[in-house]
């Protein structure tokens, strides 16, 4: 099962008196505003191997290392991005995060609002799909239709990949291992992920296996919709695959996100959009409306059960719908939407 792939590693260089990160205070537009994550849900998110039937939206604690057990690539050490109150330079960063007398933006506080300091389940969905597509059929085994379909959907070999809102950048690491020709993990310039976690996850998990791959994997700051910086101008229309996993909770950024996708996607390229429903279906549906208005079409879309599997190991799927009557909190957390998008003219 997806979530059972993770287990926490012993903490290293992490303050013992630091409390766990607060549950992200997203507004779920589909549920009553009084609904909150329970302590049991939060604990289950940090220890998914102890709760295999739970479906947490996020995993880990800021600065924590998680062991991601990959049947294809072996164990990967994934560092969760830190944030000021859990870093070794806590005093300096808290001082830097004080209110600015000139009214300028508090970058430390803004970085915490990005919620990069977790590993999100949607990123694990992408990683698992790419890994399974790269797993060869065993000798004598007949490839099933579901397996062929999965390979067609998630195959990344030879593709150039851009990950948006990468956070811990697990999909980027897996795409590199699966033979992508180029991988760039990006996050907002204020993101704590750019301060060490992405670099560690790339170098630690790739250099010892295939040193030559690391030269094709990089990290770049990128603010959605800002397309006049050197990275954007040098890479317009160059990526054949764009990964966006759980990047949709800020409705005000949907237009900017669509602009970024339109800018970087190559002719004939495709985008993988994966989202949990912890912020509600309405905001996810709103993103799809925005990208359709900005020159994209949905080539494929469905919902996947994050907990259950079919008897033959295949995924449990159902039709995507923007409004599902009677859907409660627990059922909502159990599902995610997976979509493949491309430009309308193609």
Protein backbone atom coordinates (compact mmCIF):
# COMPACT_ATOMS: atom_id res chain seq x y z
CA UNK A 1 0.00 0.00 0.00
CA UNK A 2 1.19 3.52 -0.84
CA UNK A 3 1.52 4.98 2.66
CA UNK A 4 3.20 1.91 4.12
CA UNK A 5 6.27 2.70 2.00
CA UNK A 6 7.28 5.38 4.51
CA UNK A 7 8.80 5.14 7.94
CA UNK A 8 10.63 7.80 9.97
CA UNK A 9 14.40 7.60 10.44
CA UNK A 10 16.11 8.56 13.72
CA UNK A 11 16.39 12.31 14.04
CA UNK A 12 19.76 13.88 13.36
CA UNK A 13 20.73 17.44 14.28
CA UNK A 14 17.12 18.19 15.16
CA UNK A 15 16.23 20.07 18.38
CA UNK A 16 14.67 17.72 20.91
CA UNK A 17 12.44 20.44 22.33
CA UNK A 18 10.84 21.27 18.99
CA UNK A 19 7.18 20.46 18.81
CA UNK A 20 5.66 18.78 15.80
CA UNK A 21 4.58 20.99 12.95
CA UNK A 22 1.01 22.24 13.19
CA UNK A 23 -1.57 20.74 10.90
CA UNK A 24 -1.89 22.94 7.79
CA UNK A 25 -4.84 25.27 8.29
CA UNK A 26 -6.30 24.98 4.82
CA UNK A 27 -9.84 26.06 4.18
CA UNK A 28 -11.86 23.13 2.89
CA UNK A 29 -14.65 24.68 0.88
CA UNK A 30 -16.63 21.43 0.85
CA UNK A 31 -16.81 20.94 4.62
CA UNK A 32 -18.00 22.84 7.67
CA UNK A 33 -15.38 25.29 8.93
CA UNK A 34 -15.36 23.66 12.37
CA UNK A 35 -13.98 20.38 11.01
CA UNK A 36 -10.35 19.94 12.06
CA UNK A 37 -7.69 17.24 11.78
CA UNK A 38 -7.68 15.12 14.92
CA UNK A 39 -4.55 14.38 16.92
CA UNK A 40 -4.84 10.75 15.83
CA UNK A 41 -4.84 11.78 12.16
CA UNK A 42 -1.76 13.94 12.67
CA UNK A 43 0.05 11.16 14.50
CA UNK A 44 -0.93 8.72 11.76
CA UNK A 45 0.53 11.08 9.18
CA UNK A 46 3.87 10.99 10.93
CA UNK A 47 3.82 7.22 11.44
CA UNK A 48 2.05 5.77 8.39
CA UNK A 49 3.65 2.37 8.79
CA UNK A 50 1.75 1.95 12.06
CA UNK A 51 -1.58 2.90 10.50
CA UNK A 52 -1.77 1.17 7.10
CA UNK A 53 -5.53 1.81 6.76
CA UNK A 54 -5.26 5.56 7.29
CA UNK A 55 -5.02 7.96 4.34
CA UNK A 56 -3.06 11.01 5.53
CA UNK A 57 -2.64 13.95 3.17
CA UNK A 58 0.90 14.67 4.29
CA UNK A 59 3.79 12.93 6.01
CA UNK A 60 6.76 13.78 8.19
CA UNK A 61 7.87 16.56 10.47
CA UNK A 62 9.94 19.58 9.38
CA UNK A 63 13.60 18.61 9.10
CA UNK A 64 12.84 14.92 9.62
CA UNK A 65 14.29 12.17 7.44
CA UNK A 66 11.91 9.55 6.05
CA UNK A 67 12.80 6.18 4.58
CA UNK A 68 10.90 5.65 1.34
CA UNK A 69 10.98 1.95 0.48
CA UNK A 70 10.94 1.53 -3.28
CA UNK A 71 10.48 -1.98 -4.72
CA UNK A 72 12.26 -0.80 -7.88
CA UNK A 73 15.08 1.42 -6.57
CA UNK A 74 15.56 0.31 -2.98
CA UNK A 75 15.45 2.50 0.11
CA UNK A 76 15.58 6.26 -0.39
CA UNK A 77 16.38 8.75 2.37
CA UNK A 78 14.02 11.69 1.91
CA UNK A 79 14.65 14.81 3.96
CA UNK A 80 11.52 16.81 4.72
CA UNK A 81 12.13 20.58 4.35
CA UNK A 82 12.59 22.46 7.59
CA UNK A 83 11.05 25.73 8.69
CA UNK A 84 12.35 28.40 11.10
CA UNK A 85 11.24 27.02 14.46
CA UNK A 86 12.86 23.64 13.76
CA UNK A 87 16.15 24.66 12.17
CA UNK A 88 19.57 24.87 13.79
CA UNK A 89 19.59 28.64 13.24
CA UNK A 90 16.28 29.14 14.99
CA UNK A 91 17.22 32.34 16.84
CA UNK A 92 18.58 34.00 13.71
CA UNK A 93 15.60 33.04 11.63
CA UNK A 94 13.07 34.12 14.24
CA UNK A 95 14.82 37.48 14.38
CA UNK A 96 14.70 37.68 10.60
CA UNK A 97 11.02 36.86 10.73
CA UNK A 98 10.01 39.80 12.89
CA UNK A 99 7.67 42.38 11.42
CA UNK A 100 9.41 44.74 9.02
CA UNK A 101 9.33 48.41 9.98
CA UNK A 102 9.29 49.40 6.32
CA UNK A 103 6.22 47.27 5.60
CA UNK A 104 8.07 44.85 3.31
CA UNK A 105 7.16 41.19 3.04
CA UNK A 106 8.38 38.91 5.82
CA UNK A 107 10.07 36.19 3.75
CA UNK A 108 10.50 33.76 6.65
CA UNK A 109 6.82 33.90 7.49
CA UNK A 110 5.88 33.63 3.82
CA UNK A 111 8.04 30.51 3.52
CA UNK A 112 6.13 28.80 6.31
CA UNK A 113 2.82 29.53 4.57
CA UNK A 114 3.91 27.50 1.53
CA UNK A 115 3.59 24.21 3.47
CA UNK A 116 6.68 22.77 1.81
CA UNK A 117 7.74 21.26 5.15
CA UNK A 118 5.81 18.02 4.56
CA UNK A 119 5.93 15.17 2.08
CA UNK A 120 2.50 15.20 0.43
CA UNK A 121 0.65 12.03 -0.58
CA UNK A 122 0.08 13.36 -4.10
CA UNK A 123 3.85 13.38 -4.61
CA UNK A 124 3.94 9.73 -3.57
CA UNK A 125 1.23 8.92 -6.14
CA UNK A 126 3.41 10.37 -8.91
CA UNK A 127 6.51 8.59 -7.60
CA UNK A 128 4.74 5.24 -7.41
CA UNK A 129 3.28 5.60 -10.92
CA UNK A 130 6.65 6.47 -12.49
CA UNK A 131 8.36 3.65 -10.63
CA UNK A 132 5.81 1.03 -11.66
CA UNK A 133 6.02 2.18 -15.28
CA UNK A 134 9.79 1.67 -15.15
CA UNK A 135 9.52 -1.82 -13.63
CA UNK A 136 10.03 -4.49 -16.32
CA UNK A 137 7.66 -7.40 -16.64
CA UNK A 138 9.10 -10.50 -15.00
CA UNK A 139 10.29 -13.31 -17.30
CA UNK A 140 7.35 -15.50 -18.26
CA UNK A 141 4.83 -13.00 -16.92
CA UNK A 142 2.14 -11.69 -19.25
CA UNK A 143 1.68 -7.96 -19.09
CA UNK A 144 -1.89 -7.10 -18.15
CA UNK A 145 -3.95 -4.39 -19.79
CA UNK A 146 -3.85 -2.37 -16.58
CA UNK A 147 -0.07 -2.62 -16.54
CA UNK A 148 0.22 -1.46 -20.14
CA UNK A 149 -2.13 1.40 -19.39
CA UNK A 150 -0.05 2.43 -16.39
CA UNK A 151 3.16 2.30 -18.41
CA UNK A 152 1.64 4.52 -21.09
CA UNK A 153 0.43 7.00 -18.49
CA UNK A 154 3.56 7.30 -16.32
CA UNK A 155 6.54 6.36 -18.49
CA UNK A 156 9.24 9.01 -18.11
CA UNK A 157 12.28 7.52 -19.85
CA UNK A 158 13.94 10.09 -22.09
CA UNK A 159 11.53 12.87 -21.08
CA UNK A 160 12.52 16.30 -19.74
CA UNK A 161 10.71 16.92 -16.45
CA UNK A 162 9.78 20.07 -14.55
CA UNK A 163 8.35 19.67 -11.05
CA UNK A 164 6.39 22.64 -9.70
CA UNK A 165 6.00 23.25 -5.97
CA UNK A 166 8.42 20.40 -5.40
CA UNK A 167 8.82 20.54 -1.62
CA UNK A 168 10.81 17.39 -0.80
CA UNK A 169 11.04 16.67 -4.57
CA UNK A 170 10.36 12.93 -4.31
CA UNK A 171 8.86 12.82 -7.85
CA UNK A 172 12.00 14.50 -9.23
CA UNK A 173 14.24 11.90 -7.58
CA UNK A 174 12.14 9.02 -8.91
CA UNK A 175 11.96 10.52 -12.42
CA UNK A 176 15.75 10.75 -12.49
CA UNK A 177 16.08 7.12 -11.41
CA UNK A 178 13.55 6.11 -14.06
CA UNK A 179 15.66 7.53 -16.87
CA UNK A 180 14.37 11.04 -17.50
CA UNK A 181 16.80 12.98 -19.71
CA UNK A 182 16.54 16.13 -17.59
CA UNK A 183 14.86 16.94 -14.28
CA UNK A 184 14.40 20.36 -12.68
CA UNK A 185 12.77 20.63 -9.25
CA UNK A 186 11.34 24.09 -8.56
CA UNK A 187 9.71 25.79 -5.62
CA UNK A 188 8.83 29.34 -4.62
CA UNK A 189 11.87 31.51 -3.84
CA UNK A 190 10.65 31.75 -0.22
CA UNK A 191 10.30 27.98 0.16
CA UNK A 192 12.31 26.29 2.93
CA UNK A 193 12.80 23.38 0.51
CA UNK A 194 15.46 25.42 -1.30
CA UNK A 195 17.59 25.65 1.85
CA UNK A 196 18.94 22.13 1.79
CA UNK A 197 16.24 19.48 1.53
CA UNK A 198 16.00 19.28 -2.26
CA UNK A 199 19.78 19.34 -2.66
CA UNK A 200 20.18 16.58 -0.08
CA UNK A 201 17.45 14.41 -1.61
CA UNK A 202 18.93 14.69 -5.09
CA UNK A 203 22.58 14.16 -4.18
CA UNK A 204 22.13 11.55 -1.47
CA UNK A 205 19.75 9.34 -3.43
CA UNK A 206 21.31 9.65 -6.88
CA UNK A 207 25.07 10.15 -6.62
CA UNK A 208 25.95 6.72 -5.24
CA UNK A 209 23.76 4.90 -7.74
CA UNK A 210 24.37 6.68 -11.01
CA UNK A 211 26.76 9.65 -10.64
CA UNK A 212 26.17 10.78 -14.21
CA UNK A 213 22.45 11.28 -13.53
CA UNK A 214 23.05 14.03 -10.98
CA UNK A 215 24.40 16.34 -13.68
CA UNK A 216 20.99 16.21 -15.35
CA UNK A 217 19.06 17.01 -12.17
CA UNK A 218 18.90 20.51 -10.73
CA UNK A 219 16.96 22.80 -8.43
CA UNK A 220 15.64 26.24 -9.31
CA UNK A 221 13.58 28.86 -7.48
CA UNK A 222 10.49 29.83 -9.46
CA UNK A 223 7.52 32.01 -8.63
CA UNK A 224 4.47 30.98 -10.64
CA UNK A 225 3.56 33.47 -13.32
CA UNK A 226 6.89 35.33 -13.13
CA UNK A 227 8.46 34.48 -16.47
CA UNK A 228 11.09 37.14 -17.08
CA UNK A 229 13.90 35.69 -14.96
CA UNK A 230 16.92 33.94 -16.49
CA UNK A 231 15.65 30.41 -15.77
CA UNK A 232 12.28 31.07 -17.42
CA UNK A 233 13.64 32.78 -20.49
CA UNK A 234 16.20 30.03 -21.06
CA UNK A 235 13.67 27.19 -20.71
CA UNK A 236 10.52 28.35 -22.47
CA UNK A 237 8.79 25.37 -24.08
CA UNK A 238 11.51 22.87 -23.17
CA UNK A 239 9.83 20.40 -20.80
CA UNK A 240 7.92 17.40 -22.16
CA UNK A 241 6.48 16.55 -18.74
CA UNK A 242 5.36 18.91 -15.99
CA UNK A 243 4.55 17.55 -12.53
CA UNK A 244 2.16 19.43 -10.23
CA UNK A 245 1.24 17.50 -7.09
CA UNK A 246 -0.93 19.18 -4.43
CA UNK A 247 -0.18 22.70 -5.70
CA UNK A 248 -3.74 23.96 -5.89
CA UNK A 249 -4.88 25.11 -2.45
CA UNK A 250 -4.31 28.82 -3.23
CA UNK A 251 -7.11 29.81 -5.56
CA UNK A 252 -5.46 33.20 -6.10
CA UNK A 253 -2.49 31.41 -7.70
CA UNK A 254 -4.40 29.25 -10.20
CA UNK A 255 -4.00 31.78 -13.00
CA UNK A 256 -0.27 32.17 -12.32
CA UNK A 257 0.19 28.41 -12.15
CA UNK A 258 -1.55 28.00 -15.52
CA UNK A 259 0.69 30.68 -17.03
CA UNK A 260 3.79 28.89 -15.79
CA UNK A 261 2.57 25.59 -17.21
CA UNK A 262 1.79 27.17 -20.57
CA UNK A 263 5.22 28.80 -20.67
CA UNK A 264 7.39 25.79 -19.89
CA UNK A 265 5.47 22.98 -21.63
CA UNK A 266 7.00 21.84 -24.91
CA UNK A 267 4.96 21.17 -28.08
CA UNK A 268 3.35 17.77 -27.60
CA UNK A 269 4.20 17.79 -23.90
CA UNK A 270 1.88 16.69 -21.11
CA UNK A 271 1.21 17.71 -17.53
CA UNK A 272 0.53 15.40 -14.62
CA UNK A 273 -1.87 16.97 -12.13
CA UNK A 274 -2.46 15.09 -8.87
CA UNK A 275 -4.44 16.48 -5.95
CA UNK A 276 -5.87 15.26 -2.70
CA UNK A 277 -9.17 16.62 -1.42
CA UNK A 278 -7.96 17.92 1.97
CA UNK A 279 -8.84 21.43 0.77
CA UNK A 280 -12.10 20.25 -0.74
CA UNK A 281 -13.20 19.34 -4.25
CA UNK A 282 -14.35 22.84 -5.10
CA UNK A 283 -10.90 24.38 -5.17
CA UNK A 284 -9.47 21.51 -7.23
CA UNK A 285 -12.34 21.81 -9.68
CA UNK A 286 -11.63 25.53 -9.82
CA UNK A 287 -8.10 24.86 -10.97
CA UNK A 288 -9.33 22.64 -13.80
CA UNK A 289 -11.70 25.41 -14.87
CA UNK A 290 -8.79 27.85 -14.92
CA UNK A 291 -6.46 25.71 -17.02
CA UNK A 292 -9.25 24.99 -19.50
CA UNK A 293 -9.70 28.73 -19.87
CA UNK A 294 -5.95 29.08 -20.48
CA UNK A 295 -5.54 26.88 -23.50
CA UNK A 296 -5.41 23.35 -22.08
CA UNK A 297 -7.57 20.27 -22.48
CA UNK A 298 -7.90 17.30 -20.16
CA UNK A 299 -6.71 14.20 -21.95
CA UNK A 300 -7.49 11.90 -19.06
CA UNK A 301 -8.90 12.25 -15.55
CA UNK A 302 -10.04 9.87 -12.79
CA UNK A 303 -10.06 9.41 -9.03
CA UNK A 304 -7.89 6.88 -7.26
CA UNK A 305 -8.33 5.19 -3.89
CA UNK A 306 -5.18 5.82 -1.83
CA UNK A 307 -5.83 2.93 0.55
CA UNK A 308 -7.50 -0.01 -1.19
CA UNK A 309 -6.35 -2.17 -4.09
CA UNK A 310 -8.03 -4.71 -6.34
CA UNK A 311 -7.38 -8.40 -5.74
CA UNK A 312 -4.85 -8.46 -8.57
CA UNK A 313 -3.02 -5.46 -7.09
CA UNK A 314 -4.50 -2.93 -9.50
CA UNK A 315 -5.74 0.49 -8.48
CA UNK A 316 -9.31 1.15 -7.43
CA UNK A 317 -10.57 3.99 -9.63
CA UNK A 318 -13.76 5.89 -10.19
CA UNK A 319 -14.99 8.78 -12.30
CA UNK A 320 -13.89 12.29 -11.35
CA UNK A 321 -16.75 14.59 -10.46
CA UNK A 322 -16.40 18.11 -9.02
CA UNK A 323 -19.22 17.61 -6.50
CA UNK A 324 -19.81 14.30 -4.73
CA UNK A 325 -22.89 14.43 -2.52
CA UNK A 326 -22.63 13.02 0.99
CA UNK A 327 -18.86 12.70 0.98
CA UNK A 328 -17.53 12.86 4.54
CA UNK A 329 -14.10 13.85 5.81
CA UNK A 330 -12.62 10.37 6.04
CA UNK A 331 -13.87 9.28 2.62
CA UNK A 332 -12.67 12.54 1.11
CA UNK A 333 -9.15 12.02 2.46
CA UNK A 334 -9.04 8.53 1.00
CA UNK A 335 -9.25 9.67 -2.64
CA UNK A 336 -7.21 11.83 -4.98
CA UNK A 337 -7.71 13.03 -8.55
CA UNK A 338 -5.19 12.23 -11.29
CA UNK A 339 -5.30 14.12 -14.58
CA UNK A 340 -3.21 14.39 -17.74
CA UNK A 341 -3.41 17.76 -19.49
CA UNK A 342 -2.09 19.01 -22.83
CA UNK A 343 -2.43 22.11 -24.99
CA UNK A 344 -5.77 22.51 -26.73
CA UNK A 345 -4.36 22.84 -30.23
CA UNK A 346 -2.61 19.48 -29.92
